[in-house]
């Protein structure tokens, strides 16, 4: 009797399982590549934050002087001189020289309190103060007062920016007062401008002190 060969039926499910694994790997690879492309295009992930930033209300900020009192006696000496002196500006320029000298010393004292090196500017301002006493009939005294005023204003402005952000307007007032002293014009013809400069300087360093 002839033997009948029965061919075994091939299993299909391993191939189906393999196909599913391949599909899963492809899906994972495509998804990972899409996220990587987005990271390169927007590394800071700001794309979804733009709208929130544009619609957010601005935060109100305020600046005020640091609540620190230096109580420097040299500064107090200048402020006291300006506020209480009854001297008038005369041809000998004694008042202007003393006020400018005391302001120079007060500015130097404030700089030292904060560790600023301003010796070159201070020495130059002292030279200008001395020049106005050499010859009372010299017509360039206002020029020297203005140069000294600009130098000292610059030093005080640097101090203000570093430690007293709330006094920016006071520094601007001082700068305007210094610039109101006109070179080429006799000092006694602009007494008010010179005294205003000294007063503005006293107001500023009094607040700093």
N, C-alpha and C. Protein backbone atom coordinates (compact mmCIF):
# COMPACT_ATOMS: atom_id res chain seq x y z
N UNK A 1 0.86 -1.19 0.00
CA UNK A 1 0.00 0.00 0.00
C UNK A 1 0.89 1.23 0.00
N UNK A 2 0.62 2.11 -0.92
CA UNK A 2 1.48 3.30 -1.08
C UNK A 2 1.30 4.28 0.08
N UNK A 3 2.44 4.85 0.53
CA UNK A 3 2.41 5.81 1.65
C UNK A 3 1.91 7.16 1.18
N UNK A 4 1.00 7.74 1.89
CA UNK A 4 0.42 9.04 1.50
C UNK A 4 1.13 10.12 2.29
N UNK A 5 1.82 11.02 1.58
CA UNK A 5 2.55 12.12 2.24
C UNK A 5 1.60 13.27 2.55
N UNK A 6 1.61 13.67 3.79
CA UNK A 6 0.75 14.79 4.22
C UNK A 6 1.65 15.99 4.51
N UNK A 7 1.51 17.00 3.70
CA UNK A 7 2.35 18.20 3.87
C UNK A 7 1.82 19.04 5.03
N UNK A 8 2.78 19.32 5.99
CA UNK A 8 2.37 20.11 7.15
C UNK A 8 2.09 21.55 6.77
N UNK A 9 1.07 22.09 7.37
CA UNK A 9 0.67 23.48 7.08
C UNK A 9 1.65 24.45 7.75
N UNK A 10 2.20 25.36 6.94
CA UNK A 10 3.17 26.33 7.48
C UNK A 10 2.49 27.30 8.45
N UNK A 11 3.26 27.61 9.51
CA UNK A 11 2.74 28.56 10.50
C UNK A 11 2.86 29.99 9.97
N UNK A 12 1.80 30.75 10.08
CA UNK A 12 1.76 32.12 9.55
C UNK A 12 2.00 33.16 10.66
N UNK A 13 1.62 32.87 11.89
CA UNK A 13 1.64 33.89 12.95
C UNK A 13 3.03 34.43 13.26
N UNK A 14 4.14 33.63 13.10
CA UNK A 14 5.46 34.28 13.35
C UNK A 14 5.74 35.41 12.39
N UNK A 15 5.31 35.24 11.17
CA UNK A 15 5.53 36.30 10.17
C UNK A 15 4.69 37.55 10.48
N UNK A 16 3.50 37.29 10.96
CA UNK A 16 2.65 38.43 11.34
C UNK A 16 3.26 39.20 12.50
N UNK A 17 3.80 38.45 13.48
CA UNK A 17 4.43 39.09 14.64
C UNK A 17 5.65 39.89 14.20
N UNK A 18 6.43 39.34 13.30
CA UNK A 18 7.61 40.04 12.80
C UNK A 18 7.23 41.32 12.08
N UNK A 19 6.17 41.25 11.30
CA UNK A 19 5.70 42.44 10.58
C UNK A 19 5.25 43.53 11.54
N UNK A 20 4.59 43.13 12.61
CA UNK A 20 4.14 44.11 13.60
C UNK A 20 5.33 44.78 14.29
N UNK A 21 6.37 43.98 14.58
CA UNK A 21 7.57 44.55 15.22
C UNK A 21 8.24 45.55 14.29
N UNK A 22 8.34 45.20 13.01
CA UNK A 22 8.96 46.11 12.04
C UNK A 22 8.17 47.41 11.94
N UNK A 23 6.83 47.30 11.91
CA UNK A 23 5.99 48.50 11.83
C UNK A 23 6.17 49.37 13.06
N UNK A 24 6.25 48.75 14.25
CA UNK A 24 6.42 49.51 15.49
C UNK A 24 7.75 50.25 15.50
N UNK A 25 8.81 49.56 15.00
CA UNK A 25 10.13 50.20 14.95
C UNK A 25 10.10 51.40 14.00
N UNK A 26 9.46 51.25 12.86
CA UNK A 26 9.36 52.35 11.89
C UNK A 26 8.59 53.53 12.48
N UNK A 27 7.50 53.25 13.17
CA UNK A 27 6.72 54.33 13.77
C UNK A 27 7.54 55.07 14.82
N UNK A 28 8.27 54.31 15.65
CA UNK A 28 9.10 54.94 16.70
C UNK A 28 10.19 55.81 16.07
N UNK A 29 10.84 55.30 15.03
CA UNK A 29 11.92 56.03 14.37
C UNK A 29 11.40 57.33 13.75
N UNK A 30 10.25 57.26 13.07
CA UNK A 30 9.69 58.46 12.44
C UNK A 30 9.28 59.50 13.49
N UNK A 31 8.71 59.05 14.59
CA UNK A 31 8.29 59.99 15.65
C UNK A 31 9.50 60.65 16.30
N UNK A 32 10.56 59.88 16.54
CA UNK A 32 11.78 60.43 17.16
C UNK A 32 12.44 61.45 16.25
N UNK A 33 12.46 61.16 14.95
CA UNK A 33 13.08 62.10 14.01
C UNK A 33 12.29 63.40 13.93
N UNK A 34 10.96 63.34 14.05
CA UNK A 34 10.13 64.54 14.00
C UNK A 34 10.40 65.44 15.21
N UNK A 35 10.54 64.85 16.39
CA UNK A 35 10.83 65.63 17.59
C UNK A 35 12.21 66.26 17.53
N UNK A 36 13.17 65.51 16.95
CA UNK A 36 14.53 66.04 16.81
C UNK A 36 14.55 67.24 15.89
N UNK A 37 13.80 67.18 14.79
CA UNK A 37 13.72 68.30 13.85
C UNK A 37 13.13 69.52 14.53
N UNK A 38 12.15 69.32 15.37
CA UNK A 38 11.53 70.45 16.08
C UNK A 38 12.51 71.09 17.06
N UNK A 39 13.30 70.25 17.71
CA UNK A 39 14.28 70.79 18.67
C UNK A 39 15.32 71.64 17.97
N UNK A 40 15.76 71.19 16.77
CA UNK A 40 16.72 71.99 16.02
C UNK A 40 16.11 73.30 15.54
N UNK A 41 14.86 73.26 15.14
CA UNK A 41 14.20 74.46 14.63
C UNK A 41 13.87 75.44 15.74
N UNK A 42 13.59 74.93 16.94
CA UNK A 42 13.20 75.78 18.07
C UNK A 42 13.87 75.26 19.34
N UNK A 43 15.19 75.43 19.46
CA UNK A 43 15.92 74.84 20.58
C UNK A 43 15.48 75.34 21.93
N UNK A 44 14.99 76.55 22.03
CA UNK A 44 14.56 77.09 23.31
C UNK A 44 13.10 76.86 23.59
N UNK A 45 12.43 76.19 22.64
CA UNK A 45 11.00 75.88 22.78
C UNK A 45 10.19 77.14 23.04
N UNK A 46 10.48 78.17 22.25
CA UNK A 46 9.78 79.45 22.43
C UNK A 46 8.57 79.58 21.52
N UNK A 47 8.41 78.62 20.61
CA UNK A 47 7.34 78.73 19.62
C UNK A 47 5.97 78.86 20.29
N UNK A 48 5.78 78.07 21.35
CA UNK A 48 4.48 78.07 22.00
C UNK A 48 4.35 79.13 23.08
N UNK A 49 5.43 79.91 23.28
CA UNK A 49 5.39 80.93 24.33
C UNK A 49 5.26 82.33 23.78
N UNK A 50 5.33 82.51 22.48
CA UNK A 50 5.31 83.84 21.88
C UNK A 50 4.00 84.54 22.18
N UNK A 51 2.92 83.83 22.01
CA UNK A 51 1.62 84.46 22.22
C UNK A 51 1.46 84.92 23.66
N UNK A 52 1.91 84.10 24.61
CA UNK A 52 1.79 84.47 26.02
C UNK A 52 2.63 85.68 26.34
N UNK A 53 3.82 85.75 25.73
CA UNK A 53 4.70 86.89 25.97
C UNK A 53 4.11 88.16 25.42
N UNK A 54 3.53 88.08 24.24
CA UNK A 54 2.99 89.28 23.61
C UNK A 54 1.76 89.81 24.33
N UNK A 55 0.99 88.94 24.97
CA UNK A 55 -0.24 89.38 25.60
C UNK A 55 -0.06 89.70 27.08
N UNK A 56 1.11 89.37 27.63
CA UNK A 56 1.32 89.63 29.05
C UNK A 56 1.47 91.11 29.30
N UNK A 57 0.93 91.56 30.42
CA UNK A 57 1.03 92.97 30.77
C UNK A 57 2.42 93.28 31.29
N UNK A 58 2.99 94.44 30.94
CA UNK A 58 4.34 94.78 31.40
C UNK A 58 4.40 94.89 32.92
N UNK A 59 5.53 94.44 33.47
CA UNK A 59 5.73 94.51 34.92
C UNK A 59 6.27 95.89 35.27
N UNK A 60 5.62 96.55 36.19
CA UNK A 60 6.05 97.88 36.60
C UNK A 60 7.21 97.77 37.57
N UNK A 61 8.31 98.45 37.25
CA UNK A 61 9.48 98.42 38.11
C UNK A 61 9.78 99.81 38.62
N UNK A 62 10.34 99.89 39.80
CA UNK A 62 10.71 101.17 40.38
C UNK A 62 12.14 101.09 40.87
N UNK A 63 12.83 102.21 40.82
CA UNK A 63 14.18 102.27 41.34
C UNK A 63 14.22 103.33 42.42
N UNK A 64 14.91 103.05 43.47
CA UNK A 64 15.00 103.98 44.59
C UNK A 64 16.41 103.93 45.15
N UNK A 65 16.84 105.00 45.81
CA UNK A 65 18.17 104.99 46.40
C UNK A 65 18.31 103.87 47.42
N UNK A 66 19.50 103.30 47.49
CA UNK A 66 19.77 102.28 48.49
C UNK A 66 19.66 102.93 49.87
N UNK A 67 19.03 102.23 50.79
CA UNK A 67 18.79 102.79 52.11
C UNK A 67 20.05 102.67 52.97
N UNK A 68 21.07 103.44 52.58
CA UNK A 68 22.33 103.42 53.31
C UNK A 68 22.74 104.86 53.58
N UNK A 69 23.08 105.16 54.82
CA UNK A 69 23.55 106.49 55.19
C UNK A 69 25.05 106.46 55.43
N UNK A 70 25.78 107.21 54.60
CA UNK A 70 27.23 107.25 54.76
C UNK A 70 27.63 108.12 55.94
N UNK A 71 26.88 109.23 56.14
CA UNK A 71 27.16 110.16 57.24
C UNK A 71 28.61 110.64 57.23
N UNK A 72 29.07 110.99 56.05
CA UNK A 72 30.44 111.45 55.91
C UNK A 72 30.54 112.91 56.32
N UNK A 73 31.47 113.21 57.21
CA UNK A 73 31.59 114.57 57.75
C UNK A 73 32.04 115.58 56.69
N UNK A 74 32.83 115.13 55.72
CA UNK A 74 33.28 116.04 54.66
C UNK A 74 32.11 116.46 53.77
N UNK A 75 31.23 115.50 53.51
CA UNK A 75 30.03 115.80 52.74
C UNK A 75 29.14 116.76 53.52
N UNK A 76 28.98 116.50 54.81
CA UNK A 76 28.15 117.36 55.65
C UNK A 76 28.71 118.78 55.73
N UNK A 77 30.05 118.90 55.68
CA UNK A 77 30.68 120.23 55.73
C UNK A 77 30.33 121.04 54.47
N UNK A 78 30.32 120.39 53.32
CA UNK A 78 29.95 121.10 52.09
C UNK A 78 28.49 121.50 52.11
N UNK A 79 27.63 120.56 52.45
CA UNK A 79 26.19 120.83 52.48
C UNK A 79 25.89 121.97 53.46
N UNK A 80 26.51 121.94 54.63
CA UNK A 80 26.30 122.99 55.61
C UNK A 80 26.78 124.34 55.11
N UNK A 81 27.91 124.35 54.40
CA UNK A 81 28.42 125.61 53.87
C UNK A 81 27.45 126.22 52.87
N UNK A 82 26.93 125.41 51.96
CA UNK A 82 26.02 125.92 50.93
C UNK A 82 24.70 126.38 51.54
N UNK A 83 24.20 125.63 52.50
CA UNK A 83 22.88 125.93 53.06
C UNK A 83 22.88 127.08 54.07
N UNK A 84 24.02 127.31 54.71
CA UNK A 84 24.03 128.32 55.78
C UNK A 84 24.90 129.54 55.50
N UNK A 85 25.77 129.45 54.51
CA UNK A 85 26.69 130.56 54.27
C UNK A 85 25.94 131.79 53.78
N UNK A 86 26.30 132.94 54.35
CA UNK A 86 25.70 134.19 53.90
C UNK A 86 26.68 135.03 53.08
N UNK A 87 27.76 134.37 52.64
CA UNK A 87 28.72 135.06 51.80
C UNK A 87 28.10 135.38 50.44
N UNK A 88 28.55 136.44 49.85
CA UNK A 88 28.10 136.81 48.52
C UNK A 88 29.25 136.66 47.55
N UNK A 89 28.92 136.48 46.31
CA UNK A 89 29.95 136.36 45.28
C UNK A 89 30.49 137.74 44.96
N UNK A 90 31.80 137.91 45.18
CA UNK A 90 32.45 139.19 44.94
C UNK A 90 33.58 139.03 43.94
N UNK A 91 34.25 140.12 43.70
CA UNK A 91 35.32 140.12 42.71
C UNK A 91 36.47 139.21 43.10
N UNK A 92 36.68 139.01 44.40
CA UNK A 92 37.80 138.15 44.82
C UNK A 92 37.50 136.66 44.65
N UNK A 93 36.25 136.33 44.39
CA UNK A 93 35.81 134.94 44.14
C UNK A 93 36.09 134.01 45.32
N UNK A 94 36.16 134.56 46.53
CA UNK A 94 36.44 133.74 47.71
C UNK A 94 35.34 132.71 47.95
N UNK A 95 34.08 133.14 47.81
CA UNK A 95 32.97 132.22 48.03
C UNK A 95 33.01 131.08 47.00
N UNK A 96 33.18 131.43 45.75
CA UNK A 96 33.18 130.41 44.70
C UNK A 96 34.32 129.43 44.89
N UNK A 97 35.49 129.94 45.24
CA UNK A 97 36.64 129.07 45.47
C UNK A 97 36.39 128.12 46.64
N UNK A 98 35.86 128.64 47.74
CA UNK A 98 35.61 127.79 48.90
C UNK A 98 34.53 126.75 48.62
N UNK A 99 33.47 127.18 47.95
CA UNK A 99 32.39 126.25 47.63
C UNK A 99 32.89 125.15 46.70
N UNK A 100 33.67 125.53 45.70
CA UNK A 100 34.18 124.55 44.74
C UNK A 100 35.17 123.60 45.40
N UNK A 101 36.00 124.12 46.28
CA UNK A 101 36.97 123.28 47.00
C UNK A 101 36.26 122.28 47.91
N UNK A 102 35.25 122.76 48.64
CA UNK A 102 34.51 121.86 49.53
C UNK A 102 33.73 120.82 48.74
N UNK A 103 33.19 121.20 47.59
CA UNK A 103 32.48 120.24 46.75
C UNK A 103 33.44 119.18 46.22
N UNK A 104 34.64 119.61 45.84
CA UNK A 104 35.65 118.66 45.36
C UNK A 104 36.00 117.67 46.45
N UNK A 105 36.20 118.16 47.67
CA UNK A 105 36.53 117.27 48.79
C UNK A 105 35.37 116.33 49.11
N UNK A 106 34.15 116.85 49.04
CA UNK A 106 32.97 116.02 49.33
C UNK A 106 32.80 114.92 48.28
N UNK A 107 33.02 115.28 47.03
CA UNK A 107 32.91 114.28 45.95
C UNK A 107 33.98 113.21 46.12
N UNK A 108 35.18 113.62 46.45
CA UNK A 108 36.26 112.67 46.69
C UNK A 108 35.93 111.75 47.86
N UNK A 109 35.34 112.32 48.91
CA UNK A 109 34.97 111.52 50.08
C UNK A 109 33.92 110.46 49.73
N UNK A 110 32.93 110.85 48.94
CA UNK A 110 31.91 109.90 48.53
C UNK A 110 32.51 108.77 47.69
N UNK A 111 33.44 109.12 46.79
CA UNK A 111 34.09 108.11 45.96
C UNK A 111 34.90 107.14 46.81
N UNK A 112 35.58 107.66 47.81
CA UNK A 112 36.37 106.79 48.69
C UNK A 112 35.48 105.85 49.49
N UNK A 113 34.31 106.33 49.89
CA UNK A 113 33.38 105.48 50.63
C UNK A 113 33.03 104.24 49.83
N UNK A 114 32.97 104.39 48.51
CA UNK A 114 32.57 103.29 47.63
C UNK A 114 33.75 102.61 46.96
N UNK A 115 34.96 103.08 47.24
CA UNK A 115 36.14 102.43 46.69
C UNK A 115 36.44 102.80 45.24
N UNK A 116 35.98 103.98 44.79
CA UNK A 116 36.26 104.41 43.43
C UNK A 116 37.57 105.21 43.38
N UNK A 117 38.33 104.97 42.33
CA UNK A 117 39.57 105.71 42.14
C UNK A 117 39.30 106.89 41.20
N UNK A 118 39.26 108.09 41.76
CA UNK A 118 38.94 109.28 40.97
C UNK A 118 39.98 110.38 41.20
N UNK A 119 41.17 109.98 41.62
CA UNK A 119 42.16 110.96 42.03
C UNK A 119 42.52 111.93 40.91
N UNK A 120 42.61 111.43 39.67
CA UNK A 120 42.98 112.30 38.55
C UNK A 120 41.95 113.41 38.35
N UNK A 121 40.67 113.06 38.40
CA UNK A 121 39.60 114.05 38.23
C UNK A 121 39.59 115.04 39.40
N UNK A 122 39.83 114.52 40.60
CA UNK A 122 39.83 115.38 41.79
C UNK A 122 40.97 116.39 41.73
N UNK A 123 42.14 115.95 41.35
CA UNK A 123 43.29 116.85 41.24
C UNK A 123 43.05 117.94 40.20
N UNK A 124 42.44 117.54 39.10
CA UNK A 124 42.15 118.52 38.04
C UNK A 124 41.13 119.54 38.52
N UNK A 125 40.10 119.10 39.22
CA UNK A 125 39.09 120.02 39.74
C UNK A 125 39.70 120.99 40.74
N UNK A 126 40.64 120.52 41.55
CA UNK A 126 41.32 121.40 42.51
C UNK A 126 42.14 122.47 41.78
N UNK A 127 42.77 122.09 40.68
CA UNK A 127 43.54 123.06 39.90
C UNK A 127 42.64 124.16 39.36
N UNK A 128 41.46 123.77 38.87
CA UNK A 128 40.51 124.77 38.35
C UNK A 128 40.04 125.70 39.47
N UNK A 129 39.84 125.14 40.68
CA UNK A 129 39.40 125.96 41.81
C UNK A 129 40.48 126.98 42.19
N UNK A 130 41.73 126.58 42.12
CA UNK A 130 42.83 127.48 42.46
C UNK A 130 42.99 128.59 41.42
N UNK A 131 42.72 128.26 40.16
CA UNK A 131 42.90 129.23 39.07
C UNK A 131 42.01 130.46 39.24
N UNK A 132 40.82 130.28 39.81
CA UNK A 132 39.90 131.42 39.91
C UNK A 132 40.31 132.41 40.99
N UNK A 133 41.35 132.04 41.79
CA UNK A 133 41.82 132.94 42.85
C UNK A 133 43.09 133.71 42.44
N UNK A 134 43.71 133.31 41.36
CA UNK A 134 45.00 133.89 40.99
C UNK A 134 44.89 135.34 40.55
N UNK A 135 43.94 135.63 39.71
CA UNK A 135 43.81 136.99 39.19
C UNK A 135 42.33 137.35 39.18
N UNK A 136 41.87 138.23 40.07
CA UNK A 136 40.44 138.57 40.15
C UNK A 136 39.92 139.25 38.89
N UNK A 137 40.82 139.80 38.08
CA UNK A 137 40.37 140.49 36.88
C UNK A 137 40.41 139.59 35.63
N UNK A 138 40.81 138.36 35.83
CA UNK A 138 40.83 137.41 34.71
C UNK A 138 39.40 137.13 34.25
N UNK A 139 39.22 137.04 32.94
CA UNK A 139 37.86 136.86 32.39
C UNK A 139 37.51 135.40 32.11
N UNK A 140 38.40 134.48 32.49
CA UNK A 140 38.15 133.07 32.19
C UNK A 140 37.74 132.26 33.43
N UNK A 141 37.35 132.94 34.50
CA UNK A 141 36.98 132.21 35.72
C UNK A 141 35.78 131.29 35.49
N UNK A 142 34.81 131.77 34.74
CA UNK A 142 33.63 130.95 34.48
C UNK A 142 34.00 129.68 33.71
N UNK A 143 35.00 129.79 32.84
CA UNK A 143 35.45 128.62 32.09
C UNK A 143 35.97 127.55 33.06
N UNK A 144 36.77 127.99 34.04
CA UNK A 144 37.35 127.04 35.00
C UNK A 144 36.28 126.46 35.92
N UNK A 145 35.33 127.29 36.33
CA UNK A 145 34.23 126.79 37.16
C UNK A 145 33.43 125.73 36.39
N UNK A 146 33.18 126.00 35.14
CA UNK A 146 32.42 125.06 34.31
C UNK A 146 33.19 123.74 34.13
N UNK A 147 34.50 123.82 33.89
CA UNK A 147 35.29 122.61 33.71
C UNK A 147 35.30 121.77 34.99
N UNK A 148 35.48 122.45 36.13
CA UNK A 148 35.46 121.73 37.40
C UNK A 148 34.08 121.13 37.65
N UNK A 149 33.03 121.90 37.36
CA UNK A 149 31.67 121.41 37.55
C UNK A 149 31.36 120.17 36.72
N UNK A 150 31.81 120.19 35.46
CA UNK A 150 31.58 119.03 34.59
C UNK A 150 32.31 117.80 35.10
N UNK A 151 33.55 117.98 35.56
CA UNK A 151 34.33 116.86 36.09
C UNK A 151 33.66 116.24 37.31
N UNK A 152 33.27 117.08 38.26
CA UNK A 152 32.66 116.58 39.49
C UNK A 152 31.29 115.97 39.22
N UNK A 153 30.57 116.53 38.27
CA UNK A 153 29.27 115.95 37.90
C UNK A 153 29.45 114.56 37.34
N UNK A 154 30.49 114.37 36.54
CA UNK A 154 30.75 113.05 35.96
C UNK A 154 31.04 112.02 37.05
N UNK A 155 31.85 112.41 38.03
CA UNK A 155 32.17 111.49 39.13
C UNK A 155 30.91 111.15 39.92
N UNK A 156 30.11 112.16 40.25
CA UNK A 156 28.89 111.92 41.01
C UNK A 156 27.88 111.09 40.22
N UNK A 157 27.86 111.26 38.92
CA UNK A 157 26.96 110.46 38.09
C UNK A 157 27.37 108.98 38.12
N UNK A 158 28.67 108.70 38.07
CA UNK A 158 29.14 107.32 38.15
C UNK A 158 28.78 106.69 39.49
N UNK A 159 28.90 107.48 40.56
CA UNK A 159 28.50 106.99 41.88
C UNK A 159 27.00 106.71 41.92
N UNK A 160 26.25 107.63 41.35
CA UNK A 160 24.79 107.47 41.34
C UNK A 160 24.36 106.21 40.57
N UNK A 161 24.96 105.97 39.42
CA UNK A 161 24.59 104.80 38.62
C UNK A 161 24.91 103.51 39.35
N UNK A 162 26.01 103.51 40.10
CA UNK A 162 26.44 102.29 40.77
C UNK A 162 25.65 101.99 42.03
N UNK A 163 25.26 103.03 42.76
CA UNK A 163 24.69 102.79 44.09
C UNK A 163 23.34 103.46 44.34
N UNK A 164 23.04 104.51 43.60
CA UNK A 164 21.81 105.26 43.88
C UNK A 164 20.97 105.42 42.61
N UNK A 165 20.39 104.34 42.09
CA UNK A 165 19.64 104.41 40.84
C UNK A 165 18.44 105.36 40.90
N UNK A 166 17.91 105.57 42.08
CA UNK A 166 16.75 106.45 42.21
C UNK A 166 17.07 107.92 42.11
N UNK A 167 18.36 108.28 42.04
CA UNK A 167 18.75 109.68 41.99
C UNK A 167 19.15 110.13 40.59
N UNK A 168 18.69 109.42 39.58
CA UNK A 168 19.05 109.77 38.20
C UNK A 168 18.57 111.17 37.83
N UNK A 169 17.38 111.55 38.26
CA UNK A 169 16.86 112.88 37.94
C UNK A 169 17.66 113.97 38.64
N UNK A 170 18.13 113.69 39.85
CA UNK A 170 18.93 114.66 40.58
C UNK A 170 20.27 114.91 39.88
N UNK A 171 20.85 113.84 39.35
CA UNK A 171 22.10 113.98 38.60
C UNK A 171 21.86 114.79 37.32
N UNK A 172 20.73 114.53 36.69
CA UNK A 172 20.41 115.28 35.47
C UNK A 172 20.23 116.76 35.78
N UNK A 173 19.61 117.08 36.91
CA UNK A 173 19.46 118.48 37.33
C UNK A 173 20.83 119.12 37.56
N UNK A 174 21.73 118.35 38.17
CA UNK A 174 23.08 118.87 38.42
C UNK A 174 23.81 119.11 37.11
N UNK A 175 23.67 118.18 36.17
CA UNK A 175 24.32 118.36 34.87
C UNK A 175 23.79 119.60 34.16
N UNK A 176 22.50 119.78 34.19
CA UNK A 176 21.91 120.97 33.55
C UNK A 176 22.40 122.25 34.22
N UNK A 177 22.54 122.21 35.54
CA UNK A 177 23.03 123.39 36.27
C UNK A 177 24.47 123.71 35.89
N UNK A 178 25.28 122.66 35.75
CA UNK A 178 26.67 122.88 35.34
C UNK A 178 26.74 123.46 33.93
N UNK A 179 25.93 122.92 33.05
CA UNK A 179 25.94 123.37 31.66
C UNK A 179 25.36 124.77 31.49
N UNK A 180 24.64 125.25 32.50
CA UNK A 180 24.08 126.60 32.42
C UNK A 180 25.14 127.67 32.69
N UNK A 181 26.29 127.25 33.24
CA UNK A 181 27.40 128.19 33.46
C UNK A 181 28.13 128.36 32.13
N UNK A 182 28.06 129.55 31.58
CA UNK A 182 28.54 129.77 30.22
C UNK A 182 30.00 130.26 30.20
N UNK A 183 30.88 129.52 29.57
CA UNK A 183 32.25 130.00 29.39
C UNK A 183 32.25 131.29 28.56
N UNK A 184 33.18 132.16 28.88
CA UNK A 184 33.26 133.42 28.14
C UNK A 184 32.41 134.52 28.72
N UNK A 185 31.56 134.19 29.69
CA UNK A 185 30.72 135.19 30.35
C UNK A 185 31.29 135.42 31.75
N UNK A 186 31.38 136.66 32.18
CA UNK A 186 31.93 136.97 33.50
C UNK A 186 31.15 136.24 34.60
N UNK A 187 31.88 135.69 35.56
CA UNK A 187 31.25 134.92 36.64
C UNK A 187 30.24 135.75 37.41
N UNK A 188 30.57 137.00 37.69
CA UNK A 188 29.66 137.85 38.46
C UNK A 188 28.40 138.20 37.67
N UNK A 189 28.43 138.00 36.37
CA UNK A 189 27.24 138.24 35.56
C UNK A 189 26.33 137.02 35.52
N UNK A 190 26.78 135.93 36.10
CA UNK A 190 25.95 134.73 36.16
C UNK A 190 26.02 134.11 37.56
N UNK A 191 25.86 134.98 38.54
CA UNK A 191 25.89 134.55 39.94
C UNK A 191 24.84 133.47 40.22
N UNK A 192 23.63 133.72 39.73
CA UNK A 192 22.53 132.78 40.01
C UNK A 192 22.84 131.39 39.48
N UNK A 193 23.41 131.31 38.29
CA UNK A 193 23.73 130.02 37.68
C UNK A 193 24.78 129.27 38.50
N UNK A 194 25.80 129.99 38.96
CA UNK A 194 26.85 129.36 39.75
C UNK A 194 26.30 128.87 41.08
N UNK A 195 25.52 129.71 41.75
CA UNK A 195 24.95 129.30 43.03
C UNK A 195 23.95 128.15 42.87
N UNK A 196 23.23 128.15 41.78
CA UNK A 196 22.30 127.05 41.53
C UNK A 196 23.04 125.74 41.38
N UNK A 197 24.19 125.79 40.71
CA UNK A 197 25.00 124.58 40.56
C UNK A 197 25.43 124.04 41.92
N UNK A 198 25.94 124.92 42.78
CA UNK A 198 26.37 124.49 44.11
C UNK A 198 25.20 123.95 44.93
N UNK A 199 24.04 124.55 44.78
CA UNK A 199 22.85 124.09 45.51
C UNK A 199 22.40 122.72 45.04
N UNK A 200 22.41 122.51 43.72
CA UNK A 200 22.01 121.21 43.17
C UNK A 200 22.98 120.12 43.60
N UNK A 201 24.28 120.46 43.63
CA UNK A 201 25.28 119.49 44.09
C UNK A 201 25.06 119.14 45.55
N UNK A 202 24.72 120.16 46.37
CA UNK A 202 24.46 119.92 47.78
C UNK A 202 23.23 119.02 47.96
N UNK A 203 22.18 119.26 47.19
CA UNK A 203 20.97 118.42 47.27
C UNK A 203 21.29 116.97 46.94
N UNK A 204 22.11 116.75 45.90
CA UNK A 204 22.43 115.39 45.46
C UNK A 204 23.25 114.64 46.49
N UNK A 205 24.36 115.22 46.91
CA UNK A 205 25.23 114.45 47.82
C UNK A 205 24.63 114.35 49.23
N UNK A 206 23.73 115.26 49.55
CA UNK A 206 23.01 115.14 50.83
C UNK A 206 22.15 113.88 50.82
N UNK A 207 21.50 113.62 49.69
CA UNK A 207 20.68 112.41 49.57
C UNK A 207 21.55 111.16 49.55
N UNK A 208 22.73 111.26 48.95
CA UNK A 208 23.64 110.12 48.92
C UNK A 208 24.22 109.85 50.30
N UNK A 209 24.41 110.90 51.07
CA UNK A 209 25.07 110.78 52.38
C UNK A 209 24.09 110.32 53.46
